[in-house]
Every structure is written in structure tokens, then in C-alpha cells.
Amino acid sequence: MPTTAPNALSDVTASDSTLRRFLHGLPGVDAVGLEARAASLGTRSIKTTAKAYAIDLAISMVDLTTLEGADTPGKVRALGAKAVRPDPTDRTTPATAAVCVYPDMVATAKEAVAGSGVKVASVATAFPAGRAPIAVKLADVREAVAAGADEIDMVIDRGAFLAGNYMKVYDEITAVKEACGTNARLKVIFETGELSTYDNIRRASWLGMLAGADFIKTSTGKVAVNATPANTLLMLEAVRDFRAQTGVQVGVKPAGGIRTSKDAVKFLVLVNETAGEDWLDNHWFRFGASSLLNDLLMQRQKLATGRYSGPDYVTVD
């Protein structure tokens, strides 16, 4: 796992001024070029055998998510059962990577997926707004970890970031990383739809990685603009370049708005063509989604049988 400030860049985080100088010294993003490349990669055609592989890979990368005020233990148990066996009629269907819930539902989710290898991820740090004192945020994390969370999905303080208070954001991430202990991996959510510019997304990506993120994540799924091919491509470039400089590999998780198999395959092409095959594994790439799994299952059955099933083939989440 990455630790704070990898040695190759340790001087960068020595002070607020050095951190600011580094982040603002990153190359500016060519927005037109970025979006054109993302669109171009999205047009790649996938043959049937490759599509079958991609669908199974995508299923195995899903963080099956429920983050609603109306969540109940019963709903979380059902979600866990679906994560473990997405298609009860076909045992060859891979399990999802994780279920993602609120901290108070972690224990229930752990029971539901026990013995399966499916991870339990918990959002934390006053998700989704991140507006709370640091003590409250850390208590949120510790509660989730104590309940058995394997992964913590934290949100950064976007207000501090947009005000240029990068060291505050850095310090919060490192404190959350410490609260995760040695067993829980940390995903850092930027809420890219609120960061306004691609330059800010690049800076946030490097800031999160310098602070010890195991994953960088686009969005909460609670705002109008969530994961897009362009912002995910930008983050994939960041993790690729970060590993080249530090030797530390960091995962990427686009979340929100990815609903179809076609969308998922496009994102997998982005991963392969940008970061490379090392990231084509659920240890390093995830989809934050709820409805995506249903479409993947329907497309998987279509490839296997030549037809779609009726509306009752998949569960309604």
C-alpha cells in the first residue's frame, strides 16, 4: 500500500508553499485534446470473445452500492447476496469486487458476504458533502473500520481545495489513512463535478496520491456531473505517471452515471490504452455503481444464449 509522500516526492509535501508550487507546476490540461482522445477511445469496436471477457471483468470490478437514507438491513443483506452470486442461475458468473454502504451498515454487509471474498467498502468523512470537523470525520472512519470495513471511501474538503488550502486537504487525507490502519484500503473521492476544471482534477489526483490514497475516485454519485470518460482518462494518466515517478501503484474508481455494459467496456478500453494491463484487475480498478450490474448480467446472458431474458431475470435494486 502507498504511504504518505513516497520518497521520490517527499520534499513536495514539506510545506504549504512547496506543495502549492508542485501542484501548480503540473502541466496544464489540454481540454480539447483530452476530450477528443476519450471520445476516440470510446469508439473502439470489441469482438464477441473480447466482449464476453470484458463483461466478466467489469462484473468483477463493480462496487455494488446503496447509499440512501432509506437503506435497511434487509436491503443491505439482499445487496450482499447479489454481490456474492450476481446470477443465481449461472455459477460461472463472477462475484462483484465489493459492496459499498454507510458506516452503520458495515456489520450487516460483512455478515452477508462472509467467506465469499467480496469486500465491504464504507463511505465516511461526512459523505457526501464532507462538511464536518476533522474529529467527526475520523470517528466516522474508525467506526466503519471497527465494524469490519475492508475499504474506506472518503470525500475531500472541496471548499478547502478550491480555496487553495491544499495542505489542509493533504493533512485530512493522511489522518484518514492513519485511521484506516493496516487492513483497510483508502479511496479518496474528489467530486470532480465540483472541481470546475481539468487542471483541478489533475492537481487533486496528485494531492490524493501524495497523501497516501490507495485509490482515487471521481465522484460520490450525488451531484449532477459524475464519472465521465474524460475525467477518468485524466485520472488514469495521473496514476500512470505517479507510478513512473515513485514506483507506487494507485487504483482508480469512476463512480456515478455508468449504467450500461457499453459504458463499462468504454472505460475498460480507457484503462488498457492509458494506464495499461496492470490496472485491468479489480485490485486496481473499480466501478462505483448500482444499476450497471443488471445491464452487465443481461448482456452476458445475451452473449451466452442469443436472446435477452424477460424483465424478471435480474433483481431490482
C-alpha atoms as a PDB file:
ATOM      1  CA  MET A   1       0.000   0.000   0.000  1.00  0.00           C
ATOM      2  CA  PRO A   2       1.155   3.547  -0.614  1.00  0.00           C
ATOM      3  CA  THR A   3       2.311   5.522   2.373  1.00  0.00           C
ATOM      4  CA  THR A   4       2.270   9.275   2.695  1.00  0.00           C
ATOM      5  CA  ALA A   5       4.679  11.221   0.498  1.00  0.00           C
ATOM      6  CA  PRO A   6       6.602   8.491  -1.377  1.00  0.00           C
ATOM      7  CA  ASN A   7      10.356   9.078  -1.113  1.00  0.00           C
ATOM      8  CA  ALA A   8      10.762  10.245  -4.714  1.00  0.00           C
ATOM      9  CA  LEU A   9       8.469  13.205  -3.956  1.00  0.00           C
ATOM     10  CA  SER A  10       8.922  13.621  -0.191  1.00  0.00           C
ATOM     11  CA  ASP A  11      10.128  17.235  -0.457  1.00  0.00           C
ATOM     12  CA  VAL A  12       6.920  18.233  -2.223  1.00  0.00           C
ATOM     13  CA  THR A  13       4.857  17.980   0.963  1.00  0.00           C
ATOM     14  CA  ALA A  14       7.375  19.651   3.268  1.00  0.00           C
ATOM     15  CA  SER A  15       5.330  22.853   3.458  1.00  0.00           C
ATOM     16  CA  ASP A  16       2.241  24.505   2.089  1.00  0.00           C
ATOM     17  CA  SER A  17       4.363  26.573  -0.317  1.00  0.00           C
ATOM     18  CA  THR A  18       6.250  23.584  -1.751  1.00  0.00           C
ATOM     19  CA  LEU A  19       3.013  21.632  -2.174  1.00  0.00           C
ATOM     20  CA  ARG A  20       1.343  24.572  -3.921  1.00  0.00           C
ATOM     21  CA  ARG A  21       4.373  25.083  -6.153  1.00  0.00           C
ATOM     22  CA  PHE A  22       4.350  21.429  -7.163  1.00  0.00           C
ATOM     23  CA  LEU A  23       0.607  21.214  -7.850  1.00  0.00           C
ATOM     24  CA  HIS A  24       0.536  24.432  -9.853  1.00  0.00           C
ATOM     25  CA  GLY A  25       3.648  23.316 -11.699  1.00  0.00           C
ATOM     26  CA  LEU A  26       1.905  20.277 -13.139  1.00  0.00           C
ATOM     27  CA  PRO A  27       1.354  20.549 -16.915  1.00  0.00           C
ATOM     28  CA  GLY A  28      -1.863  22.290 -17.890  1.00  0.00           C
ATOM     29  CA  VAL A  29      -4.568  20.061 -19.335  1.00  0.00           C
ATOM     30  CA  ASP A  30      -5.467  20.451 -23.000  1.00  0.00           C
ATOM     31  CA  ALA A  31      -9.237  20.110 -22.541  1.00  0.00           C
ATOM     32  CA  VAL A  32      -9.998  19.753 -26.245  1.00  0.00           C
ATOM     33  CA  GLY A  33      -7.300  17.123 -26.724  1.00  0.00           C
ATOM     34  CA  LEU A  34      -8.351  15.217 -23.598  1.00  0.00           C
ATOM     35  CA  GLU A  35     -11.983  15.036 -24.617  1.00  0.00           C
ATOM     36  CA  ALA A  36     -11.094  14.108 -28.198  1.00  0.00           C
ATOM     37  CA  ARG A  37      -8.869  11.242 -27.042  1.00  0.00           C
ATOM     38  CA  ALA A  38     -11.531   9.978 -24.636  1.00  0.00           C
ATOM     39  CA  ALA A  39     -14.135  10.089 -27.400  1.00  0.00           C
ATOM     40  CA  SER A  40     -11.821   8.369 -29.868  1.00  0.00           C
ATOM     41  CA  LEU A  41     -11.040   5.512 -27.490  1.00  0.00           C
ATOM     42  CA  GLY A  42     -14.756   5.141 -26.847  1.00  0.00           C
ATOM     43  CA  THR A  43     -15.357   4.214 -30.490  1.00  0.00           C
ATOM     44  CA  ARG A  44     -13.121   1.124 -30.409  1.00  0.00           C
ATOM     45  CA  SER A  45     -15.025  -1.960 -31.573  1.00  0.00           C
ATOM     46  CA  ILE A  46     -14.896  -5.074 -29.391  1.00  0.00           C
ATOM     47  CA  LYS A  47     -15.234  -8.558 -30.879  1.00  0.00           C
ATOM     48  CA  THR A  48     -17.616 -11.086 -29.339  1.00  0.00           C
ATOM     49  CA  THR A  49     -14.988 -13.114 -27.465  1.00  0.00           C
ATOM     50  CA  ALA A  50     -13.312  -9.977 -26.161  1.00  0.00           C
ATOM     51  CA  LYS A  51     -16.709  -8.565 -25.188  1.00  0.00           C
ATOM     52  CA  ALA A  52     -17.523 -11.660 -23.126  1.00  0.00           C
ATOM     53  CA  TYR A  53     -14.205 -11.296 -21.298  1.00  0.00           C
ATOM     54  CA  ALA A  54     -14.769  -7.579 -20.781  1.00  0.00           C
ATOM     55  CA  ILE A  55     -18.252  -8.107 -19.335  1.00  0.00           C
ATOM     56  CA  ASP A  56     -16.994 -10.652 -16.803  1.00  0.00           C
ATOM     57  CA  LEU A  57     -14.085  -8.372 -15.928  1.00  0.00           C
ATOM     58  CA  ALA A  58     -16.462  -5.452 -15.458  1.00  0.00           C
ATOM     59  CA  ILE A  59     -18.743  -7.513 -13.182  1.00  0.00           C
ATOM     60  CA  SER A  60     -15.730  -8.409 -11.050  1.00  0.00           C
ATOM     61  CA  MET A  61     -14.860  -4.701 -10.751  1.00  0.00           C
ATOM     62  CA  VAL A  62     -18.238  -3.450  -9.526  1.00  0.00           C
ATOM     63  CA  ASP A  63     -18.555  -1.909  -6.081  1.00  0.00           C
ATOM     64  CA  LEU A  64     -22.263  -2.687  -5.724  1.00  0.00           C
ATOM     65  CA  THR A  65     -23.585   0.356  -3.935  1.00  0.00           C
ATOM     66  CA  THR A  66     -26.519   1.506  -1.867  1.00  0.00           C
ATOM     67  CA  LEU A  67     -26.194   4.906  -0.218  1.00  0.00           C
ATOM     68  CA  GLU A  68     -29.725   6.016   0.557  1.00  0.00           C
ATOM     69  CA  GLY A  69     -31.369   7.349   3.676  1.00  0.00           C
ATOM     70  CA  ALA A  70     -33.955   4.579   3.319  1.00  0.00           C
ATOM     71  CA  ASP A  71     -31.403   1.730   3.394  1.00  0.00           C
ATOM     72  CA  THR A  72     -32.464  -1.100   5.694  1.00  0.00           C
ATOM     73  CA  PRO A  73     -30.625  -4.190   6.967  1.00  0.00           C
ATOM     74  CA  GLY A  74     -32.806  -6.290   4.672  1.00  0.00           C
ATOM     75  CA  LYS A  75     -31.838  -4.253   1.627  1.00  0.00           C
ATOM     76  CA  VAL A  76     -28.151  -4.493   2.519  1.00  0.00           C
ATOM     77  CA  ARG A  77     -28.371  -8.262   3.045  1.00  0.00           C
ATOM     78  CA  ALA A  78     -30.038  -8.631  -0.357  1.00  0.00           C
ATOM     79  CA  LEU A  79     -27.320  -6.474  -1.931  1.00  0.00           C
ATOM     80  CA  GLY A  80     -24.646  -8.632  -0.318  1.00  0.00           C
ATOM     81  CA  ALA A  81     -26.260 -11.815  -1.634  1.00  0.00           C
ATOM     82  CA  LYS A  82     -26.371 -10.324  -5.107  1.00  0.00           C
ATOM     83  CA  ALA A  83     -22.717  -9.279  -4.904  1.00  0.00           C
ATOM     84  CA  VAL A  84     -21.668 -12.805  -3.948  1.00  0.00           C
ATOM     85  CA  ARG A  85     -23.798 -14.518  -6.597  1.00  0.00           C
ATOM     86  CA  PRO A  86     -24.946 -11.945  -9.176  1.00  0.00           C
ATOM     87  CA  ASP A  87     -26.702 -14.582 -11.311  1.00  0.00           C
ATOM     88  CA  PRO A  88     -28.011 -17.461  -9.181  1.00  0.00           C
ATOM     89  CA  THR A  89     -28.810 -19.421 -12.363  1.00  0.00           C
ATOM     90  CA  ASP A  90     -25.196 -19.367 -13.586  1.00  0.00           C
ATOM     91  CA  ARG A  91     -22.417 -20.196 -11.157  1.00  0.00           C
ATOM     92  CA  THR A  92     -19.763 -19.149 -13.693  1.00  0.00           C
ATOM     93  CA  THR A  93     -20.752 -15.506 -13.207  1.00  0.00           C
ATOM     94  CA  PRO A  94     -18.012 -13.770 -11.199  1.00  0.00           C
ATOM     95  CA  ALA A  95     -18.781 -12.096  -7.897  1.00  0.00           C
ATOM     96  CA  THR A  96     -18.506  -8.334  -7.667  1.00  0.00           C
ATOM     97  CA  ALA A  97     -15.489  -6.721  -6.036  1.00  0.00           C
ATOM     98  CA  ALA A  98     -17.317  -5.175  -3.095  1.00  0.00           C
ATOM     99  CA  VAL A  99     -20.495  -3.810  -1.635  1.00  0.00           C
ATOM    100  CA  CYS A 100     -20.446  -0.140  -0.629  1.00  0.00           C
ATOM    101  CA  VAL A 101     -22.626   1.097   2.233  1.00  0.00           C
ATOM    102  CA  TYR A 102     -22.844   3.670   5.003  1.00  0.00           C
ATOM    103  CA  PRO A 103     -20.793   3.013   8.183  1.00  0.00           C
ATOM    104  CA  ASP A 104     -23.808   1.883  10.228  1.00  0.00           C
ATOM    105  CA  MET A 105     -24.498  -0.870   7.693  1.00  0.00           C
ATOM    106  CA  VAL A 106     -20.969  -2.304   7.574  1.00  0.00           C
ATOM    107  CA  ALA A 107     -21.584  -5.077  10.120  1.00  0.00           C
ATOM    108  CA  THR A 108     -24.706  -6.201   8.272  1.00  0.00           C
ATOM    109  CA  ALA A 109     -22.849  -6.200   4.949  1.00  0.00           C
ATOM    110  CA  LYS A 110     -19.942  -8.165   6.444  1.00  0.00           C
ATOM    111  CA  GLU A 111     -22.321 -10.897   7.590  1.00  0.00           C
ATOM    112  CA  ALA A 112     -23.967 -11.006   4.160  1.00  0.00           C
ATOM    113  CA  VAL A 113     -20.708 -11.565   2.254  1.00  0.00           C
ATOM    114  CA  ALA A 114     -18.852 -13.609   4.872  1.00  0.00           C
ATOM    115  CA  GLY A 115     -16.492 -16.189   3.395  1.00  0.00           C
ATOM    116  CA  SER A 116     -17.013 -15.061  -0.193  1.00  0.00           C
ATOM    117  CA  GLY A 117     -14.022 -12.818  -0.846  1.00  0.00           C
ATOM    118  CA  VAL A 118     -16.348  -9.885  -1.623  1.00  0.00           C
ATOM    119  CA  LYS A 119     -15.066  -6.787   0.187  1.00  0.00           C
ATOM    120  CA  VAL A 120     -17.101  -4.342   2.223  1.00  0.00           C
ATOM    121  CA  ALA A 121     -16.475  -0.683   1.445  1.00  0.00           C
ATOM    122  CA  SER A 122     -17.843   2.104   3.588  1.00  0.00           C
ATOM    123  CA  VAL A 123     -18.207   5.758   2.748  1.00  0.00           C
ATOM    124  CA  ALA A 124     -17.022   8.050   5.508  1.00  0.00           C
ATOM    125  CA  THR A 125     -15.830  11.551   6.463  1.00  0.00           C
ATOM    126  CA  ALA A 126     -19.329  13.073   6.426  1.00  0.00           C
ATOM    127  CA  PHE A 127     -20.148  11.720   2.968  1.00  0.00           C
ATOM    128  CA  PRO A 128     -21.180  13.173   0.560  1.00  0.00           C
ATOM    129  CA  ALA A 129     -20.544  16.845   1.410  1.00  0.00           C
ATOM    130  CA  GLY A 130     -17.556  16.333   3.694  1.00  0.00           C
ATOM    131  CA  ARG A 131     -18.674  19.267   5.832  1.00  0.00           C
ATOM    132  CA  ALA A 132     -17.766  18.279   9.375  1.00  0.00           C
ATOM    133  CA  PRO A 133     -14.949  18.820  11.881  1.00  0.00           C
ATOM    134  CA  ILE A 134     -11.981  16.517  11.414  1.00  0.00           C
ATOM    135  CA  ALA A 135     -12.720  14.754  14.721  1.00  0.00           C
ATOM    136  CA  VAL A 136     -16.166  13.789  13.437  1.00  0.00           C
ATOM    137  CA  LYS A 137     -14.712  12.589  10.139  1.00  0.00           C
ATOM    138  CA  LEU A 138     -12.111  10.414  11.857  1.00  0.00           C
ATOM    139  CA  ALA A 139     -14.724   8.962  14.222  1.00  0.00           C
ATOM    140  CA  ASP A 140     -16.756   8.059  11.123  1.00  0.00           C
ATOM    141  CA  VAL A 141     -13.770   6.183   9.700  1.00  0.00           C
ATOM    142  CA  ARG A 142     -12.850   4.418  12.928  1.00  0.00           C
ATOM    143  CA  GLU A 143     -16.437   3.241  13.419  1.00  0.00           C
ATOM    144  CA  ALA A 144     -16.518   1.730   9.940  1.00  0.00           C
ATOM    145  CA  VAL A 145     -13.130   0.042  10.344  1.00  0.00           C
ATOM    146  CA  ALA A 146     -14.087  -1.335  13.772  1.00  0.00           C
ATOM    147  CA  ALA A 147     -17.252  -2.814  12.219  1.00  0.00           C
ATOM    148  CA  GLY A 148     -15.102  -4.657   9.672  1.00  0.00           C
ATOM    149  CA  ALA A 149     -14.844  -2.377   6.623  1.00  0.00           C
ATOM    150  CA  ASP A 150     -12.174  -3.563   4.193  1.00  0.00           C
ATOM    151  CA  GLU A 151     -12.160  -0.255   2.323  1.00  0.00           C
ATOM    152  CA  ILE A 152     -12.964   3.360   3.179  1.00  0.00           C
ATOM    153  CA  ASP A 153     -14.309   5.779   0.567  1.00  0.00           C
ATOM    154  CA  MET A 154     -13.617   9.269   1.934  1.00  0.00           C
ATOM    155  CA  VAL A 155     -14.555  12.641   0.464  1.00  0.00           C
ATOM    156  CA  ILE A 156     -12.128  15.540   0.346  1.00  0.00           C
ATOM    157  CA  ASP A 157     -12.955  19.007   1.606  1.00  0.00           C
ATOM    158  CA  ARG A 158     -13.731  20.597  -1.757  1.00  0.00           C
ATOM    159  CA  GLY A 159     -14.128  24.026  -0.174  1.00  0.00           C
ATOM    160  CA  ALA A 160     -10.594  23.904   1.178  1.00  0.00           C
ATOM    161  CA  PHE A 161      -9.242  22.591  -2.109  1.00  0.00           C
ATOM    162  CA  LEU A 162     -10.960  25.250  -4.225  1.00  0.00           C
ATOM    163  CA  ALA A 163      -9.716  27.936  -1.797  1.00  0.00           C
ATOM    164  CA  GLY A 164      -6.176  26.721  -2.434  1.00  0.00           C
ATOM    165  CA  ASN A 165      -5.728  25.300   1.076  1.00  0.00           C
ATOM    166  CA  TYR A 166      -4.027  22.194  -0.262  1.00  0.00           C
ATOM    167  CA  MET A 167      -2.159  21.355   2.934  1.00  0.00           C
ATOM    168  CA  LYS A 168      -5.419  21.125   4.874  1.00  0.00           C
ATOM    169  CA  VAL A 169      -6.732  18.610   2.345  1.00  0.00           C
ATOM    170  CA  TYR A 170      -3.430  16.727   2.433  1.00  0.00           C
ATOM    171  CA  ASP A 171      -3.421  16.584   6.233  1.00  0.00           C
ATOM    172  CA  GLU A 172      -7.015  15.302   6.332  1.00  0.00           C
ATOM    173  CA  ILE A 173      -6.239  12.521   3.874  1.00  0.00           C
ATOM    174  CA  THR A 174      -3.147  11.443   5.806  1.00  0.00           C
ATOM    175  CA  ALA A 175      -5.148  11.443   9.064  1.00  0.00           C
ATOM    176  CA  VAL A 176      -7.864   9.302   7.488  1.00  0.00           C
ATOM    177  CA  LYS A 177      -5.199   6.992   6.078  1.00  0.00           C
ATOM    178  CA  GLU A 178      -3.826   6.533   9.577  1.00  0.00           C
ATOM    179  CA  ALA A 179      -7.323   5.857  10.944  1.00  0.00           C
ATOM    180  CA  CYS A 180      -7.757   3.123   8.324  1.00  0.00           C
ATOM    181  CA  GLY A 181      -4.962   1.164   9.989  1.00  0.00           C
ATOM    182  CA  THR A 182      -3.177  -1.608   8.134  1.00  0.00           C
ATOM    183  CA  ASN A 183      -6.205  -3.576   6.951  1.00  0.00           C
ATOM    184  CA  ALA A 184      -8.485  -1.063   5.208  1.00  0.00           C
ATOM    185  CA  ARG A 185      -7.602   0.437   1.832  1.00  0.00           C
ATOM    186  CA  LEU A 186      -8.404   4.096   1.266  1.00  0.00           C
ATOM    187  CA  LYS A 187     -10.296   5.508  -1.710  1.00  0.00           C
ATOM    188  CA  VAL A 188     -10.233   9.300  -1.976  1.00  0.00           C
ATOM    189  CA  ILE A 189     -13.256  10.905  -3.654  1.00  0.00           C
ATOM    190  CA  PHE A 190     -12.688  14.264  -5.356  1.00  0.00           C
ATOM    191  CA  GLU A 191     -16.225  15.045  -6.532  1.00  0.00           C
ATOM    192  CA  THR A 192     -14.833  16.033  -9.918  1.00  0.00           C
ATOM    193  CA  GLY A 193     -18.100  17.698 -10.919  1.00  0.00           C
ATOM    194  CA  GLU A 194     -17.442  20.360  -8.293  1.00  0.00           C
ATOM    195  CA  LEU A 195     -13.772  20.966  -9.109  1.00  0.00           C
ATOM    196  CA  SER A 196     -14.642  23.135 -12.137  1.00  0.00           C
ATOM    197  CA  THR A 197     -11.555  22.487 -14.302  1.00  0.00           C
ATOM    198  CA  TYR A 198      -9.478  19.606 -15.602  1.00  0.00           C
ATOM    199  CA  ASP A 199      -6.406  21.286 -14.122  1.00  0.00           C
ATOM    200  CA  ASN A 200      -8.029  20.991 -10.695  1.00  0.00           C
ATOM    201  CA  ILE A 201      -8.797  17.313 -11.264  1.00  0.00           C
ATOM    202  CA  ARG A 202      -5.146  16.698 -12.154  1.00  0.00           C
ATOM    203  CA  ARG A 203      -3.994  18.592  -9.046  1.00  0.00           C
ATOM    204  CA  ALA A 204      -6.465  16.713  -6.821  1.00  0.00           C
ATOM    205  CA  SER A 205      -5.275  13.398  -8.243  1.00  0.00           C
ATOM    206  CA  TRP A 206      -1.654  14.111  -7.383  1.00  0.00           C
ATOM    207  CA  LEU A 207      -2.587  15.564  -3.992  1.00  0.00           C
ATOM    208  CA  GLY A 208      -4.549  12.427  -3.097  1.00  0.00           C
ATOM    209  CA  MET A 209      -1.756  10.115  -4.192  1.00  0.00           C
ATOM    210  CA  LEU A 210       0.913  12.105  -2.343  1.00  0.00           C
ATOM    211  CA  ALA A 211      -1.213  11.819   0.810  1.00  0.00           C
ATOM    212  CA  GLY A 212      -1.420   8.035   0.600  1.00  0.00           C
ATOM    213  CA  ALA A 213      -4.570   7.167  -1.346  1.00  0.00           C
ATOM    214  CA  ASP A 214      -4.832   3.537  -2.406  1.00  0.00           C
ATOM    215  CA  PHE A 215      -7.475   4.596  -4.955  1.00  0.00           C
ATOM    216  CA  ILE A 216      -8.521   7.914  -6.415  1.00  0.00           C
ATOM    217  CA  LYS A 217     -12.237   8.159  -7.134  1.00  0.00           C
ATOM    218  CA  THR A 218     -14.175  10.572  -9.318  1.00  0.00           C
ATOM    219  CA  SER A 219     -17.421  11.174  -7.534  1.00  0.00           C
ATOM    220  CA  THR A 220     -19.980  10.480  -4.843  1.00  0.00           C
ATOM    221  CA  GLY A 221     -22.743   9.856  -7.366  1.00  0.00           C
ATOM    222  CA  LYS A 222     -24.747  12.562  -5.590  1.00  0.00           C
ATOM    223  CA  VAL A 223     -24.112  15.511  -7.922  1.00  0.00           C
ATOM    224  CA  ALA A 224     -25.118  16.328 -11.488  1.00  0.00           C
ATOM    225  CA  VAL A 225     -21.744  15.536 -13.121  1.00  0.00           C
ATOM    226  CA  ASN A 226     -20.094  12.315 -12.028  1.00  0.00           C
ATOM    227  CA  ALA A 227     -17.705   9.966 -13.845  1.00  0.00           C
ATOM    228  CA  THR A 228     -17.027  10.840 -17.475  1.00  0.00           C
ATOM    229  CA  PRO A 229     -14.600   9.264 -19.931  1.00  0.00           C
ATOM    230  CA  ALA A 230     -12.561  12.486 -19.973  1.00  0.00           C
ATOM    231  CA  ASN A 231     -12.148  12.946 -16.218  1.00  0.00           C
ATOM    232  CA  THR A 232     -11.425   9.228 -15.779  1.00  0.00           C
ATOM    233  CA  LEU A 233      -8.833   9.350 -18.578  1.00  0.00           C
ATOM    234  CA  LEU A 234      -7.161  12.271 -16.815  1.00  0.00           C
ATOM    235  CA  MET A 235      -7.002  10.337 -13.545  1.00  0.00           C
ATOM    236  CA  LEU A 236      -5.648   7.248 -15.313  1.00  0.00           C
ATOM    237  CA  GLU A 237      -2.862   9.378 -16.765  1.00  0.00           C
ATOM    238  CA  ALA A 238      -2.127  10.634 -13.252  1.00  0.00           C
ATOM    239  CA  VAL A 239      -1.793   7.158 -11.689  1.00  0.00           C
ATOM    240  CA  ARG A 240       0.362   6.020 -14.629  1.00  0.00           C
ATOM    241  CA  ASP A 241       2.703   8.984 -14.234  1.00  0.00           C
ATOM    242  CA  PHE A 242       2.745   8.698 -10.447  1.00  0.00           C
ATOM    243  CA  ARG A 243       3.905   5.087 -10.637  1.00  0.00           C
ATOM    244  CA  ALA A 244       6.563   6.048 -13.175  1.00  0.00           C
ATOM    245  CA  GLN A 245       7.955   8.621 -10.715  1.00  0.00           C
ATOM    246  CA  THR A 246       7.513   6.786  -7.406  1.00  0.00           C
ATOM    247  CA  GLY A 247       7.107   3.083  -8.131  1.00  0.00           C
ATOM    248  CA  VAL A 248       3.783   3.183  -6.224  1.00  0.00           C
ATOM    249  CA  GLN A 249       0.654   1.913  -7.990  1.00  0.00           C
ATOM    250  CA  VAL A 250      -2.670   3.568  -7.153  1.00  0.00           C
ATOM    251  CA  GLY A 251      -6.126   2.424  -8.264  1.00  0.00           C
ATOM    252  CA  VAL A 252      -8.883   4.394  -9.998  1.00  0.00           C
ATOM    253  CA  LYS A 253     -12.630   4.266  -9.361  1.00  0.00           C
ATOM    254  CA  PRO A 254     -15.068   6.108 -11.618  1.00  0.00           C
ATOM    255  CA  ALA A 255     -18.448   6.360  -9.890  1.00  0.00           C
ATOM    256  CA  GLY A 256     -21.860   7.655 -10.831  1.00  0.00           C
ATOM    257  CA  GLY A 257     -23.549   7.679 -14.217  1.00  0.00           C
ATOM    258  CA  ILE A 258     -22.073   4.411 -15.558  1.00  0.00           C
ATOM    259  CA  ARG A 259     -25.193   2.390 -16.275  1.00  0.00           C
ATOM    260  CA  THR A 260     -24.673   0.165 -19.331  1.00  0.00           C
ATOM    261  CA  SER A 261     -22.324  -2.560 -20.482  1.00  0.00           C
ATOM    262  CA  LYS A 262     -21.327  -0.346 -23.394  1.00  0.00           C
ATOM    263  CA  ASP A 263     -20.284   2.362 -20.929  1.00  0.00           C
ATOM    264  CA  ALA A 264     -18.279  -0.129 -18.857  1.00  0.00           C
ATOM    265  CA  VAL A 265     -16.438  -1.519 -21.882  1.00  0.00           C
ATOM    266  CA  LYS A 266     -15.504   2.011 -22.973  1.00  0.00           C
ATOM    267  CA  PHE A 267     -13.963   2.647 -19.568  1.00  0.00           C
ATOM    268  CA  LEU A 268     -12.023  -0.626 -19.718  1.00  0.00           C
ATOM    269  CA  VAL A 269     -10.595   0.445 -23.084  1.00  0.00           C
ATOM    270  CA  LEU A 270      -9.514   3.714 -21.437  1.00  0.00           C
ATOM    271  CA  VAL A 271      -7.752   1.734 -18.715  1.00  0.00           C
ATOM    272  CA  ASN A 272      -5.953  -0.569 -21.134  1.00  0.00           C
ATOM    273  CA  GLU A 273      -4.864   2.172 -23.519  1.00  0.00           C
ATOM    274  CA  THR A 274      -3.845   4.706 -20.859  1.00  0.00           C
ATOM    275  CA  ALA A 275      -2.602   3.026 -17.685  1.00  0.00           C
ATOM    276  CA  GLY A 276      -2.053  -0.436 -19.142  1.00  0.00           C
ATOM    277  CA  GLU A 277      -2.839  -4.044 -18.342  1.00  0.00           C
ATOM    278  CA  ASP A 278      -1.547  -3.795 -14.776  1.00  0.00           C
ATOM    279  CA  TRP A 279      -4.715  -1.865 -13.915  1.00  0.00           C
ATOM    280  CA  LEU A 280      -7.099  -4.368 -15.560  1.00  0.00           C
ATOM    281  CA  ASP A 281      -7.809  -6.069 -12.253  1.00  0.00           C
ATOM    282  CA  ASN A 282     -10.288  -5.281  -9.502  1.00  0.00           C
ATOM    283  CA  HIS A 283      -7.438  -4.629  -7.089  1.00  0.00           C
ATOM    284  CA  TRP A 284      -6.662  -1.512  -9.153  1.00  0.00           C
ATOM    285  CA  PHE A 285      -9.853  -0.523 -10.980  1.00  0.00           C
ATOM    286  CA  ARG A 286     -13.458  -0.369  -9.802  1.00  0.00           C
ATOM    287  CA  PHE A 287     -16.829   0.862 -10.953  1.00  0.00           C
ATOM    288  CA  GLY A 288     -18.970   2.606  -8.351  1.00  0.00           C
ATOM    289  CA  ALA A 289     -22.455   1.646  -9.470  1.00  0.00           C
ATOM    290  CA  SER A 290     -25.852   0.236  -8.607  1.00  0.00           C
ATOM    291  CA  SER A 291     -27.780  -0.300 -11.855  1.00  0.00           C
ATOM    292  CA  LEU A 292     -24.731  -1.192 -14.000  1.00  0.00           C
ATOM    293  CA  LEU A 293     -24.609  -4.786 -12.750  1.00  0.00           C
ATOM    294  CA  ASN A 294     -28.097  -5.556 -14.052  1.00  0.00           C
ATOM    295  CA  ASP A 295     -27.203  -4.490 -17.572  1.00  0.00           C
ATOM    296  CA  LEU A 296     -23.937  -6.450 -17.463  1.00  0.00           C
ATOM    297  CA  LEU A 297     -25.875  -9.561 -16.435  1.00  0.00           C
ATOM    298  CA  MET A 298     -28.429  -9.126 -19.235  1.00  0.00           C
ATOM    299  CA  GLN A 299     -25.717  -8.598 -21.838  1.00  0.00           C
ATOM    300  CA  ARG A 300     -23.823 -11.615 -20.505  1.00  0.00           C
ATOM    301  CA  GLN A 301     -26.883 -13.815 -20.914  1.00  0.00           C
ATOM    302  CA  LYS A 302     -27.498 -12.415 -24.406  1.00  0.00           C
ATOM    303  CA  LEU A 303     -23.976 -13.445 -25.447  1.00  0.00           C
ATOM    304  CA  ALA A 304     -24.460 -16.917 -23.978  1.00  0.00           C
ATOM    305  CA  THR A 305     -27.963 -17.670 -25.295  1.00  0.00           C
ATOM    306  CA  GLY A 306     -28.523 -15.264 -28.174  1.00  0.00           C
ATOM    307  CA  ARG A 307     -31.529 -13.663 -26.527  1.00  0.00           C
ATOM    308  CA  TYR A 308     -32.460 -11.357 -23.705  1.00  0.00           C
ATOM    309  CA  SER A 309     -34.419 -12.630 -20.723  1.00  0.00           C
ATOM    310  CA  GLY A 310     -37.634 -11.083 -19.505  1.00  0.00           C
ATOM    311  CA  PRO A 311     -37.735  -8.219 -17.014  1.00  0.00           C
ATOM    312  CA  ASP A 312     -37.657 -10.583 -14.035  1.00  0.00           C
ATOM    313  CA  TYR A 313     -34.233 -12.033 -14.944  1.00  0.00           C
ATOM    314  CA  VAL A 314     -32.412  -9.548 -12.711  1.00  0.00           C
ATOM    315  CA  THR A 315     -33.401  -8.118  -9.377  1.00  0.00           C
ATOM    316  CA  VAL A 316     -34.481  -4.521  -8.999  1.00  0.00           C
ATOM    317  CA  ASP A 317     -32.018  -2.773  -6.684  1.00  0.00           C
END
